[in-house]
Amino acid sequence: MQLQVTRPRSLRYGFTLPEMLVVVLILGLMSSITLPRYTDYIHGHRATIAAHRIASELNMARHDARTRGIKRKVEFNVRGNRYEMLKMKHPNDPSARYRVQLSEGAYPVTLITADFAAADEAEHPTIEFDMYGRPTARRRPLTSGKVIVESGSHRAAVTIDPVTGEAKVP
């Protein structure tokens, strides 16, 4: 005669199918709630990071104009979704033009507007820093300056101080 040993229910290993289905259902509900918020956060982060990059590069052009005693121009192409640091060498490839395509890279965004208070420069708004780092637009002193980028439903702005030429993300 052979004895069968059965384990008590509390010592059995594994999960039952209904338990697994409940866990999958809970995970699905949690992800459906958090995914839109995460996506929204990513878009906000992209817009902010891109605005900080633009501000940093405008400040770099301003600094370069002051230290070298020459004029530096930054041209924005809203339709082409890019900007270019004219007559500046690209830091990674000195033989290439210093052009930044905003729809490419780690933080893709859309260039909404670049306004430097000069009505006749709708196609390619350009800001120029003189040898003292002061900003001008179309050879006139800058009265205001703003660049706006967008990712998803989030926008971020870069403002240029008309006196000092300093670019900031408010």
N, C-alpha and C. Protein backbone atom coordinates (compact mmCIF):
# COMPACT_ATOMS: atom_id res chain seq x y z
N MET A 1 0.82 -1.16 0.00
CA MET A 1 0.00 0.00 0.00
C MET A 1 0.88 1.25 0.00
N GLN A 2 0.51 2.19 -0.83
CA GLN A 2 1.31 3.38 -1.00
C GLN A 2 0.52 4.58 -0.46
N LEU A 3 1.21 5.41 0.30
CA LEU A 3 0.56 6.59 0.88
C LEU A 3 0.79 7.80 -0.02
N GLN A 4 -0.23 8.57 -0.18
CA GLN A 4 -0.09 9.83 -0.93
C GLN A 4 -0.02 10.97 0.05
N VAL A 5 0.99 11.78 -0.17
CA VAL A 5 1.16 12.93 0.70
C VAL A 5 0.69 14.17 -0.06
N THR A 6 -0.25 14.84 0.50
CA THR A 6 -0.72 16.09 -0.13
C THR A 6 -0.32 17.25 0.77
N ARG A 7 0.09 18.28 0.13
CA ARG A 7 0.49 19.46 0.87
C ARG A 7 -0.74 20.28 1.21
N PRO A 8 -0.68 20.91 2.34
CA PRO A 8 -1.78 21.82 2.66
C PRO A 8 -1.81 22.97 1.65
N ARG A 9 -2.95 23.59 1.44
CA ARG A 9 -3.13 24.66 0.45
C ARG A 9 -2.12 25.80 0.67
N SER A 10 -1.78 26.11 1.87
CA SER A 10 -0.86 27.22 2.16
C SER A 10 0.57 26.92 1.72
N LEU A 11 0.92 25.69 1.45
CA LEU A 11 2.28 25.35 1.03
C LEU A 11 2.42 25.13 -0.47
N ARG A 12 1.36 25.30 -1.22
CA ARG A 12 1.44 25.13 -2.68
C ARG A 12 2.15 26.34 -3.29
N TYR A 13 2.90 26.09 -4.37
CA TYR A 13 3.65 27.14 -5.05
C TYR A 13 2.90 27.62 -6.28
N GLY A 14 3.12 28.93 -6.65
CA GLY A 14 2.52 29.46 -7.86
C GLY A 14 1.25 30.23 -7.59
N PHE A 15 0.69 30.74 -8.72
CA PHE A 15 -0.53 31.54 -8.65
C PHE A 15 -1.59 30.90 -9.52
N THR A 16 -2.80 31.13 -9.18
CA THR A 16 -3.90 30.61 -9.99
C THR A 16 -4.17 31.59 -11.13
N LEU A 17 -4.87 31.14 -12.14
CA LEU A 17 -5.21 31.98 -13.28
C LEU A 17 -6.03 33.20 -12.87
N PRO A 18 -7.04 33.10 -12.05
CA PRO A 18 -7.78 34.30 -11.64
C PRO A 18 -6.89 35.32 -10.91
N GLU A 19 -5.95 34.86 -10.10
CA GLU A 19 -5.04 35.79 -9.42
C GLU A 19 -4.17 36.53 -10.43
N MET A 20 -3.67 35.82 -11.41
CA MET A 20 -2.84 36.45 -12.45
C MET A 20 -3.66 37.46 -13.25
N LEU A 21 -4.90 37.14 -13.58
CA LEU A 21 -5.74 38.05 -14.34
C LEU A 21 -6.02 39.34 -13.56
N VAL A 22 -6.21 39.22 -12.27
CA VAL A 22 -6.44 40.40 -11.43
C VAL A 22 -5.20 41.29 -11.44
N VAL A 23 -4.02 40.72 -11.33
CA VAL A 23 -2.78 41.50 -11.35
C VAL A 23 -2.60 42.19 -12.69
N VAL A 24 -2.84 41.48 -13.79
CA VAL A 24 -2.71 42.08 -15.13
C VAL A 24 -3.72 43.21 -15.30
N LEU A 25 -4.92 43.04 -14.82
CA LEU A 25 -5.94 44.07 -14.90
C LEU A 25 -5.53 45.32 -14.11
N ILE A 26 -5.01 45.13 -12.93
CA ILE A 26 -4.56 46.26 -12.11
C ILE A 26 -3.40 47.00 -12.78
N LEU A 27 -2.45 46.26 -13.34
CA LEU A 27 -1.33 46.89 -14.04
C LEU A 27 -1.80 47.67 -15.27
N GLY A 28 -2.76 47.12 -15.98
CA GLY A 28 -3.32 47.80 -17.15
C GLY A 28 -4.01 49.10 -16.77
N LEU A 29 -4.76 49.08 -15.71
CA LEU A 29 -5.43 50.30 -15.24
C LEU A 29 -4.42 51.35 -14.79
N MET A 30 -3.41 50.92 -14.08
CA MET A 30 -2.40 51.87 -13.61
C MET A 30 -1.64 52.50 -14.77
N SER A 31 -1.30 51.71 -15.78
CA SER A 31 -0.56 52.26 -16.91
C SER A 31 -1.45 53.18 -17.75
N SER A 32 -2.74 52.89 -17.86
CA SER A 32 -3.63 53.76 -18.63
C SER A 32 -3.81 55.11 -17.94
N ILE A 33 -3.62 55.16 -16.64
CA ILE A 33 -3.72 56.42 -15.91
C ILE A 33 -2.40 57.18 -15.98
N THR A 34 -1.29 56.50 -15.83
CA THR A 34 0.01 57.18 -15.75
C THR A 34 0.63 57.51 -17.11
N LEU A 35 0.35 56.76 -18.15
CA LEU A 35 0.97 56.99 -19.45
C LEU A 35 0.70 58.39 -20.02
N PRO A 36 -0.54 58.88 -20.01
CA PRO A 36 -0.75 60.24 -20.52
C PRO A 36 0.00 61.30 -19.70
N ARG A 37 0.07 61.11 -18.41
CA ARG A 37 0.80 62.08 -17.58
C ARG A 37 2.30 62.02 -17.88
N TYR A 38 2.81 60.83 -18.09
CA TYR A 38 4.23 60.67 -18.40
C TYR A 38 4.53 61.32 -19.76
N THR A 39 3.68 61.09 -20.75
CA THR A 39 3.87 61.68 -22.07
C THR A 39 3.82 63.20 -21.98
N ASP A 40 2.89 63.72 -21.20
CA ASP A 40 2.78 65.16 -21.00
C ASP A 40 4.05 65.71 -20.35
N TYR A 41 4.57 65.00 -19.38
CA TYR A 41 5.82 65.40 -18.71
C TYR A 41 6.98 65.43 -19.71
N ILE A 42 7.07 64.42 -20.55
CA ILE A 42 8.15 64.34 -21.54
C ILE A 42 8.09 65.53 -22.50
N HIS A 43 6.89 65.87 -22.97
CA HIS A 43 6.76 67.01 -23.89
C HIS A 43 7.17 68.32 -23.21
N GLY A 44 6.76 68.50 -21.97
CA GLY A 44 7.17 69.70 -21.23
C GLY A 44 8.67 69.77 -21.05
N HIS A 45 9.26 68.64 -20.73
CA HIS A 45 10.71 68.56 -20.54
C HIS A 45 11.45 68.86 -21.84
N ARG A 46 10.98 68.31 -22.95
CA ARG A 46 11.62 68.57 -24.25
C ARG A 46 11.60 70.06 -24.59
N ALA A 47 10.45 70.69 -24.41
CA ALA A 47 10.34 72.11 -24.74
C ALA A 47 11.28 72.94 -23.86
N THR A 48 11.33 72.65 -22.59
CA THR A 48 12.18 73.40 -21.67
C THR A 48 13.66 73.21 -21.99
N ILE A 49 14.06 71.97 -22.24
CA ILE A 49 15.47 71.68 -22.56
C ILE A 49 15.88 72.36 -23.87
N ALA A 50 15.01 72.31 -24.88
CA ALA A 50 15.32 72.96 -26.15
C ALA A 50 15.45 74.47 -25.98
N ALA A 51 14.57 75.07 -25.17
CA ALA A 51 14.65 76.51 -24.92
C ALA A 51 15.96 76.85 -24.20
N HIS A 52 16.36 76.03 -23.25
CA HIS A 52 17.63 76.27 -22.56
C HIS A 52 18.81 76.15 -23.52
N ARG A 53 18.73 75.22 -24.46
CA ARG A 53 19.81 75.08 -25.43
C ARG A 53 19.91 76.32 -26.31
N ILE A 54 18.77 76.81 -26.78
CA ILE A 54 18.77 78.01 -27.62
C ILE A 54 19.33 79.20 -26.83
N ALA A 55 18.89 79.36 -25.59
CA ALA A 55 19.39 80.45 -24.75
C ALA A 55 20.90 80.33 -24.56
N SER A 56 21.36 79.12 -24.32
CA SER A 56 22.79 78.89 -24.13
C SER A 56 23.59 79.26 -25.37
N GLU A 57 23.08 78.89 -26.54
CA GLU A 57 23.81 79.18 -27.76
C GLU A 57 23.73 80.65 -28.15
N LEU A 58 22.63 81.32 -27.84
CA LEU A 58 22.56 82.77 -28.04
C LEU A 58 23.57 83.47 -27.13
N ASN A 59 23.66 83.01 -25.89
CA ASN A 59 24.63 83.59 -24.95
C ASN A 59 26.06 83.29 -25.39
N MET A 60 26.27 82.13 -26.01
CA MET A 60 27.59 81.80 -26.52
C MET A 60 27.98 82.75 -27.66
N ALA A 61 27.03 83.03 -28.57
CA ALA A 61 27.30 83.96 -29.67
C ALA A 61 27.58 85.37 -29.12
N ARG A 62 26.83 85.78 -28.12
CA ARG A 62 27.03 87.07 -27.46
C ARG A 62 28.42 87.14 -26.83
N HIS A 63 28.78 86.08 -26.12
CA HIS A 63 30.09 86.03 -25.47
C HIS A 63 31.23 86.04 -26.50
N ASP A 64 31.04 85.30 -27.58
CA ASP A 64 32.06 85.23 -28.63
C ASP A 64 32.24 86.61 -29.28
N ALA A 65 31.14 87.33 -29.47
CA ALA A 65 31.23 88.68 -30.05
C ALA A 65 32.00 89.61 -29.12
N ARG A 66 31.75 89.50 -27.83
CA ARG A 66 32.43 90.36 -26.86
C ARG A 66 33.91 90.02 -26.74
N THR A 67 34.24 88.75 -26.65
CA THR A 67 35.64 88.37 -26.44
C THR A 67 36.51 88.58 -27.68
N ARG A 68 35.93 88.40 -28.86
CA ARG A 68 36.71 88.57 -30.10
C ARG A 68 36.61 89.98 -30.66
N GLY A 69 35.64 90.75 -30.18
CA GLY A 69 35.46 92.11 -30.69
C GLY A 69 34.91 92.14 -32.10
N ILE A 70 34.07 91.17 -32.45
CA ILE A 70 33.46 91.11 -33.78
C ILE A 70 31.96 90.89 -33.65
N LYS A 71 31.25 91.07 -34.76
CA LYS A 71 29.80 90.85 -34.75
C LYS A 71 29.51 89.37 -34.93
N ARG A 72 28.46 88.91 -34.27
CA ARG A 72 28.00 87.52 -34.42
C ARG A 72 26.51 87.52 -34.69
N LYS A 73 26.10 86.77 -35.71
CA LYS A 73 24.69 86.68 -36.08
C LYS A 73 24.16 85.27 -35.84
N VAL A 74 22.90 85.24 -35.43
CA VAL A 74 22.17 83.97 -35.30
C VAL A 74 20.89 84.14 -36.11
N GLU A 75 20.75 83.27 -37.12
CA GLU A 75 19.61 83.35 -38.03
C GLU A 75 18.66 82.20 -37.76
N PHE A 76 17.38 82.51 -37.59
CA PHE A 76 16.35 81.50 -37.35
C PHE A 76 15.54 81.29 -38.62
N ASN A 77 15.25 80.04 -38.92
CA ASN A 77 14.41 79.68 -40.06
C ASN A 77 13.21 78.94 -39.49
N VAL A 78 12.10 79.65 -39.32
CA VAL A 78 10.91 79.07 -38.69
C VAL A 78 10.33 77.96 -39.56
N ARG A 79 10.23 78.19 -40.85
CA ARG A 79 9.68 77.15 -41.75
C ARG A 79 10.56 75.90 -41.78
N GLY A 80 11.86 76.10 -41.76
CA GLY A 80 12.79 74.98 -41.79
C GLY A 80 13.03 74.36 -40.42
N ASN A 81 12.46 74.97 -39.37
CA ASN A 81 12.57 74.47 -38.00
C ASN A 81 14.03 74.34 -37.55
N ARG A 82 14.81 75.40 -37.82
CA ARG A 82 16.22 75.36 -37.47
C ARG A 82 16.75 76.77 -37.23
N TYR A 83 17.95 76.82 -36.69
CA TYR A 83 18.67 78.09 -36.59
C TYR A 83 20.13 77.84 -36.88
N GLU A 84 20.82 78.92 -37.24
CA GLU A 84 22.22 78.79 -37.62
C GLU A 84 23.03 79.91 -37.01
N MET A 85 24.16 79.54 -36.45
CA MET A 85 25.11 80.51 -35.92
C MET A 85 26.02 80.88 -37.09
N LEU A 86 25.77 82.02 -37.70
CA LEU A 86 26.49 82.40 -38.91
C LEU A 86 27.95 82.71 -38.61
N LYS A 87 28.81 82.23 -39.49
CA LYS A 87 30.27 82.42 -39.41
C LYS A 87 30.89 81.87 -38.12
N MET A 88 30.23 80.88 -37.52
CA MET A 88 30.80 80.21 -36.36
C MET A 88 31.00 78.74 -36.73
N LYS A 89 32.07 78.17 -36.26
CA LYS A 89 32.36 76.77 -36.55
C LYS A 89 31.61 75.87 -35.58
N HIS A 90 31.18 74.75 -36.10
CA HIS A 90 30.50 73.77 -35.26
C HIS A 90 31.51 73.17 -34.29
N PRO A 91 31.16 73.07 -32.99
CA PRO A 91 32.15 72.57 -32.02
C PRO A 91 32.56 71.12 -32.24
N ASN A 92 31.68 70.30 -32.84
CA ASN A 92 32.02 68.89 -33.07
C ASN A 92 32.69 68.66 -34.41
N ASP A 93 32.47 69.56 -35.35
CA ASP A 93 33.05 69.41 -36.69
C ASP A 93 33.39 70.80 -37.23
N PRO A 94 34.62 71.26 -37.04
CA PRO A 94 35.00 72.62 -37.46
C PRO A 94 34.82 72.91 -38.95
N SER A 95 34.71 71.89 -39.78
CA SER A 95 34.50 72.13 -41.21
C SER A 95 33.02 72.31 -41.54
N ALA A 96 32.12 72.03 -40.61
CA ALA A 96 30.69 72.11 -40.87
C ALA A 96 30.11 73.43 -40.39
N ARG A 97 28.97 73.81 -40.98
CA ARG A 97 28.25 74.99 -40.54
C ARG A 97 27.61 74.70 -39.19
N TYR A 98 27.51 75.72 -38.37
CA TYR A 98 26.91 75.56 -37.04
C TYR A 98 25.40 75.73 -37.19
N ARG A 99 24.75 74.67 -37.61
CA ARG A 99 23.31 74.68 -37.86
C ARG A 99 22.65 73.67 -36.92
N VAL A 100 21.55 74.07 -36.30
CA VAL A 100 20.82 73.20 -35.38
C VAL A 100 19.43 72.96 -35.94
N GLN A 101 19.17 71.70 -36.27
CA GLN A 101 17.85 71.28 -36.75
C GLN A 101 17.04 70.86 -35.51
N LEU A 102 16.02 71.62 -35.17
CA LEU A 102 15.28 71.39 -33.93
C LEU A 102 14.40 70.15 -33.94
N SER A 103 14.07 69.63 -35.11
CA SER A 103 13.22 68.43 -35.16
C SER A 103 14.03 67.15 -35.02
N GLU A 104 15.34 67.26 -34.92
CA GLU A 104 16.20 66.09 -34.78
C GLU A 104 16.88 66.10 -33.42
N GLY A 105 17.49 65.00 -33.08
CA GLY A 105 18.25 64.94 -31.84
C GLY A 105 17.45 64.35 -30.69
N ALA A 106 17.99 64.50 -29.51
CA ALA A 106 17.40 63.88 -28.33
C ALA A 106 16.10 64.56 -27.89
N TYR A 107 15.97 65.84 -28.16
CA TYR A 107 14.81 66.59 -27.71
C TYR A 107 14.14 67.31 -28.88
N PRO A 108 13.44 66.57 -29.75
CA PRO A 108 12.83 67.22 -30.92
C PRO A 108 11.68 68.15 -30.54
N VAL A 109 11.72 69.37 -31.08
CA VAL A 109 10.68 70.36 -30.84
C VAL A 109 10.38 71.08 -32.15
N THR A 110 9.37 71.92 -32.12
CA THR A 110 9.00 72.74 -33.27
C THR A 110 9.27 74.20 -32.93
N LEU A 111 9.93 74.90 -33.84
CA LEU A 111 10.18 76.33 -33.68
C LEU A 111 8.90 77.06 -34.07
N ILE A 112 8.25 77.70 -33.11
CA ILE A 112 7.00 78.39 -33.37
C ILE A 112 7.25 79.80 -33.90
N THR A 113 8.08 80.55 -33.21
CA THR A 113 8.37 81.90 -33.65
C THR A 113 9.72 82.36 -33.13
N ALA A 114 10.30 83.28 -33.87
CA ALA A 114 11.51 83.99 -33.45
C ALA A 114 11.24 85.44 -33.79
N ASP A 115 11.00 86.25 -32.78
CA ASP A 115 10.60 87.64 -32.99
C ASP A 115 11.61 88.56 -32.32
N PHE A 116 12.24 89.38 -33.16
CA PHE A 116 13.24 90.32 -32.65
C PHE A 116 12.83 91.76 -32.94
N ALA A 117 11.51 92.01 -32.91
CA ALA A 117 10.93 93.36 -33.06
C ALA A 117 11.37 94.05 -34.34
N ALA A 118 11.40 93.31 -35.43
CA ALA A 118 11.67 93.89 -36.74
C ALA A 118 10.67 93.28 -37.71
N ALA A 119 9.69 94.06 -38.11
CA ALA A 119 8.56 93.54 -38.87
C ALA A 119 8.93 92.97 -40.23
N ASP A 120 10.03 93.40 -40.81
CA ASP A 120 10.36 92.98 -42.16
C ASP A 120 11.21 91.70 -42.22
N GLU A 121 11.32 90.98 -41.13
CA GLU A 121 12.16 89.78 -41.15
C GLU A 121 11.38 88.51 -40.84
N ALA A 122 10.20 88.40 -41.42
CA ALA A 122 9.35 87.25 -41.14
C ALA A 122 9.96 85.95 -41.65
N GLU A 123 10.66 85.97 -42.77
CA GLU A 123 11.18 84.73 -43.35
C GLU A 123 12.34 84.15 -42.53
N HIS A 124 13.34 84.95 -42.25
CA HIS A 124 14.51 84.49 -41.50
C HIS A 124 14.89 85.52 -40.45
N PRO A 125 14.20 85.50 -39.31
CA PRO A 125 14.55 86.46 -38.25
C PRO A 125 16.00 86.26 -37.81
N THR A 126 16.71 87.37 -37.68
CA THR A 126 18.13 87.32 -37.34
C THR A 126 18.42 88.27 -36.19
N ILE A 127 19.20 87.79 -35.26
CA ILE A 127 19.68 88.65 -34.17
C ILE A 127 21.19 88.74 -34.32
N GLU A 128 21.70 89.94 -34.10
CA GLU A 128 23.13 90.16 -34.23
C GLU A 128 23.65 90.78 -32.93
N PHE A 129 24.80 90.30 -32.50
CA PHE A 129 25.45 90.86 -31.31
C PHE A 129 26.66 91.64 -31.78
N ASP A 130 26.75 92.91 -31.35
CA ASP A 130 27.90 93.72 -31.75
C ASP A 130 29.11 93.37 -30.89
N MET A 131 30.20 94.08 -31.09
CA MET A 131 31.45 93.74 -30.39
C MET A 131 31.37 93.97 -28.88
N TYR A 132 30.30 94.59 -28.41
CA TYR A 132 30.10 94.78 -26.98
C TYR A 132 29.05 93.81 -26.43
N GLY A 133 28.53 92.94 -27.30
CA GLY A 133 27.52 91.97 -26.88
C GLY A 133 26.11 92.52 -26.89
N ARG A 134 25.93 93.74 -27.42
CA ARG A 134 24.59 94.34 -27.47
C ARG A 134 23.82 93.76 -28.65
N PRO A 135 22.56 93.45 -28.45
CA PRO A 135 21.78 92.85 -29.54
C PRO A 135 21.18 93.89 -30.49
N THR A 136 21.18 93.56 -31.77
CA THR A 136 20.51 94.38 -32.78
C THR A 136 19.73 93.45 -33.70
N ALA A 137 18.73 94.04 -34.35
CA ALA A 137 17.95 93.32 -35.37
C ALA A 137 17.83 94.25 -36.57
N ARG A 138 18.27 93.82 -37.69
CA ARG A 138 18.25 94.62 -38.92
C ARG A 138 18.93 95.97 -38.71
N ARG A 139 20.08 95.91 -38.06
CA ARG A 139 20.94 97.08 -37.81
C ARG A 139 20.27 98.15 -36.94
N ARG A 140 19.22 97.75 -36.22
CA ARG A 140 18.58 98.66 -35.26
C ARG A 140 18.70 98.05 -33.88
N PRO A 141 18.79 98.87 -32.84
CA PRO A 141 18.85 98.31 -31.49
C PRO A 141 17.62 97.46 -31.21
N LEU A 142 17.84 96.39 -30.53
CA LEU A 142 16.76 95.46 -30.21
C LEU A 142 15.86 96.09 -29.14
N THR A 143 14.56 96.07 -29.39
CA THR A 143 13.62 96.57 -28.39
C THR A 143 12.99 95.43 -27.61
N SER A 144 12.90 94.26 -28.23
CA SER A 144 12.44 93.05 -27.55
C SER A 144 12.85 91.86 -28.40
N GLY A 145 12.97 90.73 -27.74
CA GLY A 145 13.33 89.51 -28.47
C GLY A 145 12.80 88.29 -27.77
N LYS A 146 12.22 87.40 -28.58
CA LYS A 146 11.64 86.19 -28.00
C LYS A 146 11.68 85.07 -29.03
N VAL A 147 12.03 83.88 -28.55
CA VAL A 147 12.01 82.67 -29.37
C VAL A 147 11.10 81.68 -28.63
N ILE A 148 10.16 81.07 -29.36
CA ILE A 148 9.23 80.13 -28.74
C ILE A 148 9.34 78.78 -29.45
N VAL A 149 9.48 77.72 -28.65
CA VAL A 149 9.50 76.35 -29.16
C VAL A 149 8.34 75.58 -28.54
N GLU A 150 7.95 74.49 -29.23
CA GLU A 150 6.81 73.71 -28.77
C GLU A 150 7.07 72.22 -28.93
N SER A 151 6.59 71.46 -27.95
CA SER A 151 6.60 70.00 -28.02
C SER A 151 5.27 69.53 -27.47
N GLY A 152 4.49 68.84 -28.29
CA GLY A 152 3.16 68.44 -27.85
C GLY A 152 2.33 69.69 -27.59
N SER A 153 1.76 69.79 -26.41
CA SER A 153 0.96 70.97 -26.06
C SER A 153 1.75 71.95 -25.19
N HIS A 154 3.02 71.71 -25.01
CA HIS A 154 3.85 72.56 -24.15
C HIS A 154 4.71 73.51 -24.97
N ARG A 155 4.76 74.74 -24.52
CA ARG A 155 5.60 75.75 -25.14
C ARG A 155 6.59 76.29 -24.13
N ALA A 156 7.75 76.67 -24.62
CA ALA A 156 8.77 77.29 -23.78
C ALA A 156 9.33 78.48 -24.55
N ALA A 157 9.64 79.54 -23.83
CA ALA A 157 10.11 80.77 -24.46
C ALA A 157 11.51 81.12 -24.00
N VAL A 158 12.24 81.73 -24.91
CA VAL A 158 13.55 82.31 -24.61
C VAL A 158 13.38 83.81 -24.81
N THR A 159 13.75 84.60 -23.82
CA THR A 159 13.67 86.05 -23.97
C THR A 159 15.08 86.62 -24.00
N ILE A 160 15.24 87.66 -24.81
CA ILE A 160 16.54 88.31 -24.94
C ILE A 160 16.41 89.72 -24.37
N ASP A 161 17.25 90.02 -23.40
CA ASP A 161 17.25 91.34 -22.79
C ASP A 161 17.72 92.36 -23.82
N PRO A 162 16.94 93.41 -24.09
CA PRO A 162 17.32 94.35 -25.16
C PRO A 162 18.53 95.22 -24.83
N VAL A 163 18.90 95.32 -23.57
CA VAL A 163 20.05 96.14 -23.19
C VAL A 163 21.34 95.32 -23.14
N THR A 164 21.30 94.20 -22.41
CA THR A 164 22.51 93.40 -22.23
C THR A 164 22.68 92.31 -23.29
N GLY A 165 21.58 91.89 -23.90
CA GLY A 165 21.64 90.82 -24.88
C GLY A 165 21.59 89.43 -24.26
N GLU A 166 21.46 89.35 -22.95
CA GLU A 166 21.44 88.06 -22.28
C GLU A 166 20.14 87.31 -22.60
N ALA A 167 20.27 86.05 -22.97
CA ALA A 167 19.12 85.20 -23.26
C ALA A 167 18.79 84.37 -22.03
N LYS A 168 17.49 84.32 -21.70
CA LYS A 168 17.05 83.57 -20.51
C LYS A 168 15.78 82.80 -20.84
N VAL A 169 15.58 81.74 -20.08
CA VAL A 169 14.32 80.99 -20.12
C VAL A 169 13.60 81.33 -18.83
N PRO A 170 12.51 82.12 -18.92
CA PRO A 170 11.82 82.51 -17.67
C PRO A 170 11.20 81.35 -16.94
